Amino acid sequence: RFLLVRVKEKREAGALDVSVMASYFPPLSSREPVYRHRQVCKRLQAEMVRAGLGLPKRSAVVLGVDLNARLGTFDPEMTDVSDDDVAEAKRYVGPVRPEQESYVGLMFRKVLKKLRLKAVNTFYDVGDTYSKGGERSARIDFLCLGVEEVVEDCRTLPRAQMKLQLSNRPVAMDHRPLMVTLLKVTEAEKMVMKEEQIQ
């Protein structure tokens, strides 16, 4: 499943142009052949990249994804990981709580690279984004912004999770929302920061 909504608004302080993308990658089922699951994920990947690259550069992209997979470190058995992939990995996926990536995780990392997005909650220790009544929890949801965006803070919203979940049980049983706070930075300041990173 994939959704794209573009919001445009003229303001006194300047025009607002934001494209919000949301996607859901289905988990691998024991009743489904692996190749079929990969086909579905590949179609989603292609759709996200096609939609993202079709947006004008002035539109800031916000991508929220229920990946049902992990991000962090490459699986050494993945044969299609190049030295360039490893070298550039730090721009798109942060160092916090790295988990070995599955095939779907690697595919999504390539989406981030093509769209020049970073998975913000991999740069902050915000904890897991999904829990099932204390039985298990995991970081399978990611909030992604342009690599040029300057993030002030990233956190999960436990109270919102309890209010939004469908279960009536008094324990967390669903996904935990993520919230990101951005710093307002001028284009000139972004250029200076980019040059400092290159040096």
N, C-alpha and C. Protein backbone atom coordinates (compact mmCIF):
# COMPACT_ATOMS: atom_id res chain seq x y z
N ARG A 1 0.84 -1.20 0.00
CA ARG A 1 0.00 0.00 0.00
C ARG A 1 0.87 1.25 0.00
N PHE A 2 0.45 2.24 -0.75
CA PHE A 2 1.24 3.46 -0.88
C PHE A 2 0.32 4.66 -1.07
N LEU A 3 0.65 5.77 -0.42
CA LEU A 3 -0.15 6.98 -0.50
C LEU A 3 0.76 8.19 -0.64
N LEU A 4 0.37 9.13 -1.47
CA LEU A 4 1.10 10.39 -1.63
C LEU A 4 0.11 11.55 -1.62
N VAL A 5 0.33 12.50 -0.72
CA VAL A 5 -0.49 13.72 -0.66
C VAL A 5 0.44 14.92 -0.68
N ARG A 6 0.20 15.84 -1.61
CA ARG A 6 1.01 17.06 -1.69
C ARG A 6 0.21 18.23 -1.16
N VAL A 7 0.83 18.97 -0.23
CA VAL A 7 0.17 20.11 0.40
C VAL A 7 0.89 21.40 -0.01
N LYS A 8 0.13 22.32 -0.59
CA LYS A 8 0.71 23.61 -1.00
C LYS A 8 -0.12 24.74 -0.40
N GLU A 9 0.57 25.72 0.14
CA GLU A 9 -0.12 26.84 0.77
C GLU A 9 0.78 28.08 0.72
N LYS A 10 0.18 29.20 0.37
CA LYS A 10 0.92 30.46 0.36
C LYS A 10 0.79 31.15 1.70
N ARG A 11 1.93 31.57 2.25
CA ARG A 11 1.95 32.25 3.54
C ARG A 11 2.78 33.53 3.44
N GLU A 12 2.58 34.41 4.43
CA GLU A 12 3.37 35.64 4.45
C GLU A 12 4.86 35.35 4.62
N ALA A 13 5.16 34.33 5.41
CA ALA A 13 6.56 33.98 5.66
C ALA A 13 7.18 33.19 4.51
N GLY A 14 6.37 32.82 3.51
CA GLY A 14 6.86 32.04 2.39
C GLY A 14 5.92 30.90 2.07
N ALA A 15 6.07 30.34 0.89
CA ALA A 15 5.18 29.27 0.45
C ALA A 15 5.50 27.95 1.15
N LEU A 16 4.44 27.21 1.45
CA LEU A 16 4.59 25.87 2.03
C LEU A 16 4.33 24.85 0.93
N ASP A 17 5.25 23.93 0.76
CA ASP A 17 5.10 22.88 -0.26
C ASP A 17 5.68 21.59 0.32
N VAL A 18 4.81 20.72 0.79
CA VAL A 18 5.23 19.48 1.44
C VAL A 18 4.51 18.30 0.78
N SER A 19 5.27 17.26 0.49
CA SER A 19 4.70 16.02 -0.05
C SER A 19 4.82 14.93 1.00
N VAL A 20 3.68 14.46 1.47
CA VAL A 20 3.65 13.42 2.50
C VAL A 20 3.41 12.07 1.83
N MET A 21 4.37 11.18 2.03
CA MET A 21 4.26 9.84 1.47
C MET A 21 4.14 8.82 2.60
N ALA A 22 3.29 7.84 2.43
CA ALA A 22 3.12 6.79 3.44
C ALA A 22 3.08 5.44 2.74
N SER A 23 3.73 4.45 3.35
CA SER A 23 3.77 3.14 2.71
C SER A 23 3.75 2.03 3.76
N TYR A 24 3.19 0.90 3.36
CA TYR A 24 3.13 -0.29 4.21
C TYR A 24 3.71 -1.47 3.45
N PHE A 25 4.76 -2.07 4.02
CA PHE A 25 5.35 -3.27 3.44
C PHE A 25 4.83 -4.48 4.22
N PRO A 26 4.17 -5.41 3.57
CA PRO A 26 3.62 -6.56 4.30
C PRO A 26 4.72 -7.45 4.86
N PRO A 27 4.49 -8.06 6.01
CA PRO A 27 5.48 -8.99 6.55
C PRO A 27 5.50 -10.28 5.75
N LEU A 28 6.61 -10.97 5.82
CA LEU A 28 6.72 -12.26 5.15
C LEU A 28 5.93 -13.30 5.93
N SER A 29 5.01 -13.97 5.25
CA SER A 29 4.17 -14.98 5.88
C SER A 29 4.75 -16.37 5.61
N SER A 30 4.59 -17.26 6.58
CA SER A 30 5.08 -18.63 6.40
C SER A 30 4.29 -19.37 5.33
N ARG A 31 3.10 -18.84 4.99
CA ARG A 31 2.27 -19.48 3.97
C ARG A 31 2.52 -18.93 2.58
N GLU A 32 3.42 -17.94 2.48
CA GLU A 32 3.67 -17.28 1.21
C GLU A 32 5.10 -17.57 0.74
N PRO A 33 5.27 -17.92 -0.54
CA PRO A 33 6.63 -18.13 -1.05
C PRO A 33 7.46 -16.85 -0.94
N VAL A 34 8.73 -16.99 -0.64
CA VAL A 34 9.61 -15.84 -0.48
C VAL A 34 9.65 -15.00 -1.75
N TYR A 35 9.71 -15.65 -2.90
CA TYR A 35 9.83 -14.90 -4.16
C TYR A 35 8.63 -14.00 -4.40
N ARG A 36 7.42 -14.47 -3.98
CA ARG A 36 6.21 -13.67 -4.19
C ARG A 36 6.21 -12.44 -3.26
N HIS A 37 6.66 -12.64 -2.04
CA HIS A 37 6.77 -11.52 -1.10
C HIS A 37 7.74 -10.48 -1.63
N ARG A 38 8.86 -10.92 -2.17
CA ARG A 38 9.84 -9.99 -2.73
C ARG A 38 9.30 -9.24 -3.94
N GLN A 39 8.49 -9.92 -4.73
CA GLN A 39 7.87 -9.25 -5.89
C GLN A 39 6.98 -8.10 -5.45
N VAL A 40 6.16 -8.35 -4.41
CA VAL A 40 5.28 -7.31 -3.88
C VAL A 40 6.10 -6.12 -3.37
N CYS A 41 7.17 -6.41 -2.63
CA CYS A 41 8.00 -5.35 -2.06
C CYS A 41 8.74 -4.59 -3.15
N LYS A 42 9.15 -5.28 -4.20
CA LYS A 42 9.83 -4.62 -5.32
C LYS A 42 8.88 -3.65 -6.03
N ARG A 43 7.62 -4.05 -6.19
CA ARG A 43 6.64 -3.16 -6.81
C ARG A 43 6.43 -1.91 -5.96
N LEU A 44 6.35 -2.11 -4.65
CA LEU A 44 6.21 -0.96 -3.75
C LEU A 44 7.42 -0.05 -3.84
N GLN A 45 8.60 -0.64 -3.85
CA GLN A 45 9.83 0.12 -3.95
C GLN A 45 9.83 0.96 -5.22
N ALA A 46 9.50 0.35 -6.35
CA ALA A 46 9.49 1.05 -7.63
C ALA A 46 8.46 2.18 -7.64
N GLU A 47 7.30 1.93 -7.04
CA GLU A 47 6.24 2.94 -6.99
C GLU A 47 6.67 4.15 -6.16
N MET A 48 7.32 3.89 -5.03
CA MET A 48 7.78 4.97 -4.16
C MET A 48 8.83 5.81 -4.85
N VAL A 49 9.78 5.16 -5.50
CA VAL A 49 10.85 5.89 -6.19
C VAL A 49 10.29 6.70 -7.34
N ARG A 50 9.40 6.10 -8.13
CA ARG A 50 8.82 6.80 -9.27
C ARG A 50 8.04 8.04 -8.81
N ALA A 51 7.26 7.87 -7.75
CA ALA A 51 6.48 9.00 -7.23
C ALA A 51 7.39 10.08 -6.65
N GLY A 52 8.39 9.67 -5.88
CA GLY A 52 9.29 10.63 -5.26
C GLY A 52 10.11 11.42 -6.27
N LEU A 53 10.62 10.74 -7.29
CA LEU A 53 11.42 11.43 -8.31
C LEU A 53 10.57 12.32 -9.20
N GLY A 54 9.27 12.06 -9.22
CA GLY A 54 8.37 12.87 -10.04
C GLY A 54 7.95 14.17 -9.37
N LEU A 55 8.32 14.35 -8.11
CA LEU A 55 7.96 15.58 -7.40
C LEU A 55 8.94 16.70 -7.72
N PRO A 56 8.47 17.95 -7.73
CA PRO A 56 9.40 19.07 -7.94
C PRO A 56 10.37 19.21 -6.77
N LYS A 57 11.56 19.69 -7.04
CA LYS A 57 12.58 19.78 -5.99
C LYS A 57 12.19 20.71 -4.86
N ARG A 58 11.31 21.67 -5.15
CA ARG A 58 10.92 22.62 -4.11
C ARG A 58 10.00 21.99 -3.06
N SER A 59 9.45 20.82 -3.36
CA SER A 59 8.53 20.17 -2.43
C SER A 59 9.31 19.31 -1.44
N ALA A 60 9.19 19.62 -0.16
CA ALA A 60 9.87 18.85 0.89
C ALA A 60 9.12 17.53 1.10
N VAL A 61 9.86 16.44 1.15
CA VAL A 61 9.26 15.11 1.27
C VAL A 61 9.31 14.63 2.72
N VAL A 62 8.17 14.14 3.19
CA VAL A 62 8.07 13.47 4.49
C VAL A 62 7.54 12.07 4.21
N LEU A 63 8.33 11.07 4.54
CA LEU A 63 7.94 9.68 4.27
C LEU A 63 7.80 8.91 5.57
N GLY A 64 6.63 8.35 5.79
CA GLY A 64 6.41 7.47 6.93
C GLY A 64 6.17 6.07 6.41
N VAL A 65 6.86 5.09 6.96
CA VAL A 65 6.74 3.74 6.43
C VAL A 65 6.68 2.69 7.55
N ASP A 66 5.72 1.80 7.41
CA ASP A 66 5.67 0.58 8.24
C ASP A 66 6.39 -0.47 7.42
N LEU A 67 7.67 -0.67 7.72
CA LEU A 67 8.53 -1.50 6.88
C LEU A 67 8.41 -3.00 7.19
N ASN A 68 8.03 -3.31 8.42
CA ASN A 68 8.02 -4.71 8.84
C ASN A 68 9.37 -5.37 8.57
N ALA A 69 10.42 -4.59 8.74
CA ALA A 69 11.79 -5.08 8.55
C ALA A 69 12.73 -4.18 9.33
N ARG A 70 13.99 -4.60 9.42
CA ARG A 70 14.97 -3.86 10.21
C ARG A 70 15.92 -3.08 9.33
N LEU A 71 16.50 -2.02 9.93
CA LEU A 71 17.53 -1.23 9.27
C LEU A 71 18.73 -1.12 10.19
N GLY A 72 19.92 -1.02 9.62
CA GLY A 72 21.09 -0.77 10.46
C GLY A 72 22.39 -1.27 9.89
N THR A 73 22.53 -2.58 9.69
CA THR A 73 23.78 -3.13 9.16
C THR A 73 23.47 -4.10 8.03
N PHE A 74 24.38 -4.17 7.09
CA PHE A 74 24.19 -5.06 5.96
C PHE A 74 24.37 -6.52 6.37
N ASP A 75 23.56 -7.37 5.80
CA ASP A 75 23.73 -8.81 5.98
C ASP A 75 24.94 -9.25 5.16
N PRO A 76 25.96 -9.85 5.77
CA PRO A 76 27.16 -10.24 5.02
C PRO A 76 26.89 -11.24 3.91
N GLU A 77 25.72 -11.89 3.96
CA GLU A 77 25.39 -12.86 2.91
C GLU A 77 24.70 -12.21 1.71
N MET A 78 24.39 -10.92 1.80
CA MET A 78 23.78 -10.22 0.68
C MET A 78 24.85 -9.95 -0.38
N THR A 79 24.70 -10.56 -1.53
CA THR A 79 25.74 -10.47 -2.56
C THR A 79 25.65 -9.19 -3.40
N ASP A 80 24.50 -8.48 -3.33
CA ASP A 80 24.36 -7.29 -4.16
C ASP A 80 24.66 -6.01 -3.39
N VAL A 81 25.44 -6.10 -2.32
CA VAL A 81 25.88 -4.92 -1.58
C VAL A 81 27.28 -4.54 -2.04
N SER A 82 27.43 -3.33 -2.57
CA SER A 82 28.72 -2.89 -3.08
C SER A 82 29.47 -2.08 -2.02
N ASP A 83 30.75 -1.81 -2.30
CA ASP A 83 31.55 -0.98 -1.40
C ASP A 83 30.97 0.43 -1.30
N ASP A 84 30.41 0.91 -2.41
CA ASP A 84 29.78 2.24 -2.41
C ASP A 84 28.57 2.26 -1.49
N ASP A 85 27.81 1.16 -1.48
CA ASP A 85 26.64 1.08 -0.58
C ASP A 85 27.08 1.24 0.87
N VAL A 86 28.15 0.56 1.25
CA VAL A 86 28.65 0.61 2.62
C VAL A 86 29.16 2.01 2.95
N ALA A 87 29.88 2.62 2.01
CA ALA A 87 30.47 3.94 2.23
C ALA A 87 29.40 5.02 2.41
N GLU A 88 28.31 4.91 1.64
CA GLU A 88 27.27 5.94 1.68
C GLU A 88 26.17 5.66 2.71
N ALA A 89 26.24 4.50 3.33
CA ALA A 89 25.16 4.07 4.21
C ALA A 89 24.87 5.06 5.34
N LYS A 90 25.91 5.70 5.87
CA LYS A 90 25.74 6.57 7.03
C LYS A 90 24.91 7.81 6.74
N ARG A 91 24.77 8.17 5.50
CA ARG A 91 23.97 9.36 5.16
C ARG A 91 22.47 9.08 5.30
N TYR A 92 22.09 7.83 5.10
CA TYR A 92 20.67 7.51 5.02
C TYR A 92 20.14 6.73 6.22
N VAL A 93 20.99 5.96 6.86
CA VAL A 93 20.60 5.18 8.03
C VAL A 93 21.61 5.46 9.14
N GLY A 94 21.10 5.87 10.30
CA GLY A 94 21.97 6.27 11.40
C GLY A 94 22.58 5.10 12.17
N PRO A 95 23.45 5.41 13.15
CA PRO A 95 24.19 4.39 13.87
C PRO A 95 23.50 3.85 15.12
N VAL A 96 22.32 4.38 15.45
CA VAL A 96 21.67 4.01 16.71
C VAL A 96 20.96 2.65 16.59
N ARG A 97 21.28 1.75 17.52
CA ARG A 97 20.66 0.43 17.59
C ARG A 97 20.63 -0.28 16.24
N PRO A 98 21.77 -0.46 15.61
CA PRO A 98 21.77 -1.11 14.29
C PRO A 98 21.31 -2.56 14.37
N GLU A 99 20.46 -2.94 13.42
CA GLU A 99 19.98 -4.31 13.35
C GLU A 99 20.28 -4.84 11.95
N GLN A 100 20.59 -6.11 11.86
CA GLN A 100 20.93 -6.68 10.56
C GLN A 100 19.74 -6.62 9.62
N GLU A 101 19.98 -6.09 8.45
CA GLU A 101 18.90 -5.87 7.50
C GLU A 101 18.53 -7.14 6.74
N SER A 102 17.24 -7.28 6.53
CA SER A 102 16.74 -8.34 5.67
C SER A 102 16.77 -7.83 4.23
N TYR A 103 16.28 -8.63 3.32
CA TYR A 103 16.21 -8.21 1.92
C TYR A 103 15.36 -6.95 1.78
N VAL A 104 14.25 -6.90 2.50
CA VAL A 104 13.36 -5.73 2.42
C VAL A 104 14.05 -4.49 2.99
N GLY A 105 14.81 -4.66 4.08
CA GLY A 105 15.56 -3.53 4.64
C GLY A 105 16.55 -2.97 3.66
N LEU A 106 17.26 -3.85 2.96
CA LEU A 106 18.22 -3.41 1.95
C LEU A 106 17.53 -2.69 0.81
N MET A 107 16.39 -3.20 0.38
CA MET A 107 15.62 -2.55 -0.68
C MET A 107 15.21 -1.14 -0.26
N PHE A 108 14.76 -1.01 0.99
CA PHE A 108 14.31 0.31 1.45
C PHE A 108 15.49 1.27 1.57
N ARG A 109 16.64 0.77 1.97
CA ARG A 109 17.83 1.64 2.02
C ARG A 109 18.11 2.23 0.63
N LYS A 110 17.88 1.43 -0.41
CA LYS A 110 18.10 1.91 -1.78
C LYS A 110 17.07 2.97 -2.15
N VAL A 111 15.85 2.83 -1.62
CA VAL A 111 14.83 3.87 -1.82
C VAL A 111 15.30 5.19 -1.20
N LEU A 112 15.81 5.10 0.03
CA LEU A 112 16.31 6.30 0.72
C LEU A 112 17.40 6.97 -0.09
N LYS A 113 18.30 6.18 -0.63
CA LYS A 113 19.41 6.73 -1.41
C LYS A 113 18.90 7.43 -2.67
N LYS A 114 18.00 6.79 -3.38
CA LYS A 114 17.50 7.37 -4.64
C LYS A 114 16.71 8.65 -4.40
N LEU A 115 15.99 8.71 -3.27
CA LEU A 115 15.18 9.89 -2.98
C LEU A 115 15.90 10.88 -2.06
N ARG A 116 17.14 10.57 -1.70
CA ARG A 116 17.95 11.42 -0.83
C ARG A 116 17.23 11.72 0.48
N LEU A 117 16.78 10.65 1.14
CA LEU A 117 16.09 10.75 2.42
C LEU A 117 16.90 10.03 3.49
N LYS A 118 16.69 10.43 4.74
CA LYS A 118 17.32 9.74 5.88
C LYS A 118 16.23 9.24 6.82
N ALA A 119 16.44 8.05 7.36
CA ALA A 119 15.51 7.49 8.34
C ALA A 119 15.83 8.11 9.69
N VAL A 120 15.10 9.15 10.06
CA VAL A 120 15.46 10.01 11.19
C VAL A 120 15.58 9.23 12.50
N ASN A 121 14.66 8.30 12.75
CA ASN A 121 14.70 7.61 14.05
C ASN A 121 15.81 6.57 14.16
N THR A 122 16.65 6.44 13.13
CA THR A 122 17.86 5.63 13.28
C THR A 122 19.04 6.48 13.73
N PHE A 123 18.83 7.78 13.84
CA PHE A 123 19.86 8.70 14.32
C PHE A 123 19.62 9.10 15.78
N TYR A 124 18.46 8.71 16.32
CA TYR A 124 18.08 9.06 17.69
C TYR A 124 17.65 7.78 18.43
N ASP A 125 17.99 7.69 19.68
CA ASP A 125 17.64 6.52 20.47
C ASP A 125 16.23 6.70 21.04
N VAL A 126 15.24 6.47 20.20
CA VAL A 126 13.85 6.68 20.60
C VAL A 126 13.15 5.37 20.98
N GLY A 127 13.85 4.27 20.86
CA GLY A 127 13.26 2.99 21.23
C GLY A 127 12.46 2.35 20.12
N ASP A 128 11.69 1.33 20.47
CA ASP A 128 10.92 0.57 19.50
C ASP A 128 9.68 1.34 19.07
N THR A 129 9.18 0.99 17.89
CA THR A 129 8.00 1.66 17.34
C THR A 129 6.79 0.74 17.28
N TYR A 130 6.97 -0.50 17.72
CA TYR A 130 5.85 -1.44 17.73
C TYR A 130 5.99 -2.34 18.95
N SER A 131 4.88 -2.59 19.60
CA SER A 131 4.90 -3.49 20.75
C SER A 131 3.62 -4.30 20.77
N LYS A 132 3.73 -5.50 21.34
CA LYS A 132 2.56 -6.38 21.42
C LYS A 132 2.41 -6.89 22.84
N GLY A 133 1.86 -6.05 23.67
CA GLY A 133 1.52 -6.44 25.03
C GLY A 133 2.66 -6.95 25.86
N GLY A 134 3.85 -6.45 25.65
CA GLY A 134 5.00 -6.88 26.42
C GLY A 134 5.61 -8.18 25.94
N GLU A 135 4.94 -8.85 24.99
CA GLU A 135 5.47 -10.11 24.46
C GLU A 135 6.67 -9.86 23.57
N ARG A 136 6.56 -8.87 22.73
CA ARG A 136 7.69 -8.52 21.86
C ARG A 136 7.54 -7.08 21.40
N SER A 137 8.66 -6.48 21.03
CA SER A 137 8.65 -5.13 20.49
C SER A 137 9.76 -5.03 19.46
N ALA A 138 9.65 -4.04 18.58
CA ALA A 138 10.63 -3.93 17.51
C ALA A 138 10.60 -2.53 16.92
N ARG A 139 11.68 -2.17 16.22
CA ARG A 139 11.74 -0.91 15.48
C ARG A 139 11.53 -1.24 14.01
N ILE A 140 10.28 -1.16 13.57
CA ILE A 140 9.95 -1.53 12.20
C ILE A 140 9.28 -0.38 11.44
N ASP A 141 9.08 0.76 12.11
CA ASP A 141 8.49 1.94 11.49
C ASP A 141 9.55 3.03 11.41
N PHE A 142 9.52 3.79 10.31
CA PHE A 142 10.55 4.80 10.12
C PHE A 142 9.95 6.08 9.56
N LEU A 143 10.45 7.20 10.08
CA LEU A 143 10.04 8.52 9.62
C LEU A 143 11.23 9.12 8.89
N CYS A 144 11.04 9.45 7.63
CA CYS A 144 12.17 9.84 6.78
C CYS A 144 12.00 11.25 6.22
N LEU A 145 13.09 11.99 6.23
CA LEU A 145 13.12 13.36 5.71
C LEU A 145 14.33 13.52 4.80
N GLY A 146 14.35 14.64 4.05
CA GLY A 146 15.48 14.91 3.18
C GLY A 146 16.79 14.99 3.95
N VAL A 147 17.88 14.52 3.35
CA VAL A 147 19.17 14.50 4.04
C VAL A 147 19.64 15.90 4.41
N GLU A 148 19.11 16.92 3.73
CA GLU A 148 19.51 18.30 4.02
C GLU A 148 18.77 18.89 5.22
N GLU A 149 17.68 18.27 5.63
CA GLU A 149 16.89 18.82 6.72
C GLU A 149 17.65 18.72 8.05
N VAL A 150 17.52 19.76 8.87
CA VAL A 150 18.23 19.80 10.15
C VAL A 150 17.23 19.46 11.26
N VAL A 151 17.44 18.32 11.88
CA VAL A 151 16.51 17.83 12.90
C VAL A 151 16.96 18.27 14.29
N GLU A 152 16.03 18.83 15.05
CA GLU A 152 16.32 19.24 16.42
C GLU A 152 16.03 18.11 17.40
N ASP A 153 14.96 17.35 17.12
CA ASP A 153 14.57 16.31 18.08
C ASP A 153 13.71 15.26 17.37
N CYS A 154 13.78 14.02 17.88
CA CYS A 154 12.94 12.94 17.38
C CYS A 154 12.54 12.10 18.59
N ARG A 155 11.26 11.75 18.67
CA ARG A 155 10.79 10.97 19.82
C ARG A 155 9.55 10.15 19.44
N THR A 156 9.26 9.16 20.26
CA THR A 156 8.01 8.42 20.10
C THR A 156 6.97 8.99 21.04
N LEU A 157 5.71 8.68 20.78
CA LEU A 157 4.60 9.21 21.58
C LEU A 157 3.82 8.05 22.21
N PRO A 158 4.28 7.56 23.37
CA PRO A 158 3.63 6.41 24.02
C PRO A 158 2.16 6.64 24.36
N ARG A 159 1.84 7.83 24.83
CA ARG A 159 0.43 8.10 25.19
C ARG A 159 -0.47 8.06 23.97
N ALA A 160 0.03 8.60 22.87
CA ALA A 160 -0.75 8.57 21.63
C ALA A 160 -0.96 7.14 21.17
N GLN A 161 0.04 6.30 21.38
CA GLN A 161 -0.09 4.89 21.02
C GLN A 161 -1.28 4.25 21.74
N MET A 162 -1.39 4.52 23.04
CA MET A 162 -2.47 3.93 23.83
C MET A 162 -3.84 4.45 23.38
N LYS A 163 -3.89 5.72 22.97
CA LYS A 163 -5.15 6.30 22.55
C LYS A 163 -5.57 5.82 21.16
N LEU A 164 -4.60 5.57 20.30
CA LEU A 164 -4.91 5.24 18.92
C LEU A 164 -5.10 3.75 18.66
N GLN A 165 -4.57 2.91 19.53
CA GLN A 165 -4.64 1.48 19.24
C GLN A 165 -6.08 0.96 19.31
N LEU A 166 -6.37 -0.06 18.52
CA LEU A 166 -7.71 -0.62 18.44
C LEU A 166 -8.04 -1.51 19.63
N SER A 167 -7.02 -2.09 20.25
CA SER A 167 -7.25 -2.98 21.38
C SER A 167 -7.68 -2.21 22.62
N ASN A 168 -8.57 -2.79 23.40
CA ASN A 168 -9.02 -2.18 24.66
C ASN A 168 -8.17 -2.59 25.85
N ARG A 169 -7.17 -3.44 25.60
CA ARG A 169 -6.31 -3.90 26.69
C ARG A 169 -5.49 -2.73 27.24
N PRO A 170 -5.17 -2.74 28.54
CA PRO A 170 -4.45 -1.61 29.15
C PRO A 170 -2.93 -1.65 28.91
N VAL A 171 -2.50 -2.40 27.89
CA VAL A 171 -1.08 -2.46 27.55
C VAL A 171 -0.91 -2.09 26.08
N ALA A 172 0.30 -1.64 25.73
CA ALA A 172 0.58 -1.24 24.35
C ALA A 172 0.51 -2.45 23.44
N MET A 173 -0.32 -2.35 22.39
CA MET A 173 -0.55 -3.49 21.50
C MET A 173 -0.41 -3.11 20.03
N ASP A 174 0.21 -2.00 19.73
CA ASP A 174 0.20 -1.57 18.33
C ASP A 174 1.42 -0.70 18.04
N HIS A 175 1.33 0.07 16.96
CA HIS A 175 2.44 0.94 16.55
C HIS A 175 2.48 2.20 17.40
N ARG A 176 3.67 2.69 17.61
CA ARG A 176 3.89 3.89 18.42
C ARG A 176 4.25 5.05 17.50
N PRO A 177 3.46 6.13 17.47
CA PRO A 177 3.74 7.26 16.57
C PRO A 177 5.12 7.89 16.83
N LEU A 178 5.68 8.42 15.76
CA LEU A 178 6.96 9.13 15.83
C LEU A 178 6.72 10.62 15.57
N MET A 179 7.47 11.47 16.26
CA MET A 179 7.38 12.91 16.05
C MET A 179 8.78 13.48 15.86
N VAL A 180 8.92 14.35 14.87
CA VAL A 180 10.21 14.99 14.59
C VAL A 180 10.03 16.50 14.66
N THR A 181 10.98 17.17 15.29
CA THR A 181 11.01 18.63 15.34
C THR A 181 12.18 19.11 14.49
N LEU A 182 11.89 20.03 13.55
CA LEU A 182 12.92 20.53 12.66
C LEU A 182 13.36 21.93 13.07
N LEU A 183 14.62 22.24 12.80
CA LEU A 183 15.12 23.59 12.98
C LEU A 183 14.89 24.36 11.68
N LYS A 184 14.49 25.59 11.80
CA LYS A 184 14.32 26.42 10.62
C LYS A 184 15.68 26.95 10.20
N VAL A 185 16.17 26.47 9.07
CA VAL A 185 17.51 26.82 8.59
C VAL A 185 17.38 27.39 7.18
N THR A 186 18.06 28.48 6.91
CA THR A 186 18.01 29.09 5.58
C THR A 186 18.81 28.24 4.59
N GLU A 187 18.57 28.46 3.30
CA GLU A 187 19.30 27.72 2.27
C GLU A 187 20.79 28.00 2.35
N ALA A 188 21.15 29.26 2.68
CA ALA A 188 22.57 29.62 2.79
C ALA A 188 23.23 28.85 3.92
N GLU A 189 22.53 28.73 5.04
CA GLU A 189 23.07 27.98 6.18
C GLU A 189 23.22 26.50 5.84
N LYS A 190 22.26 25.97 5.06
CA LYS A 190 22.35 24.58 4.64
C LYS A 190 23.58 24.34 3.77
N MET A 191 23.88 25.32 2.89
CA MET A 191 25.06 25.19 2.02
C MET A 191 26.34 25.15 2.83
N VAL A 192 26.42 26.01 3.88
CA VAL A 192 27.60 26.03 4.74
C VAL A 192 27.76 24.69 5.46
N MET A 193 26.65 24.17 5.98
CA MET A 193 26.69 22.89 6.69
C MET A 193 27.10 21.76 5.76
N LYS A 194 26.65 21.81 4.51
CA LYS A 194 27.00 20.79 3.54
C LYS A 194 28.49 20.81 3.23
N GLU A 195 29.05 22.03 3.10
CA GLU A 195 30.48 22.17 2.82
C GLU A 195 31.31 21.66 3.99
N GLU A 196 30.84 21.91 5.22
CA GLU A 196 31.56 21.42 6.41
C GLU A 196 31.57 19.90 6.46
N GLN A 197 30.48 19.28 6.03
CA GLN A 197 30.41 17.82 6.01
C GLN A 197 31.38 17.24 4.99
N ILE A 198 31.52 17.91 3.85
CA ILE A 198 32.44 17.45 2.79
C ILE A 198 33.88 17.53 3.28
N GLN A 199 34.21 18.61 4.00
CA GLN A 199 35.58 18.79 4.51
C GLN A 199 35.88 17.79 5.61
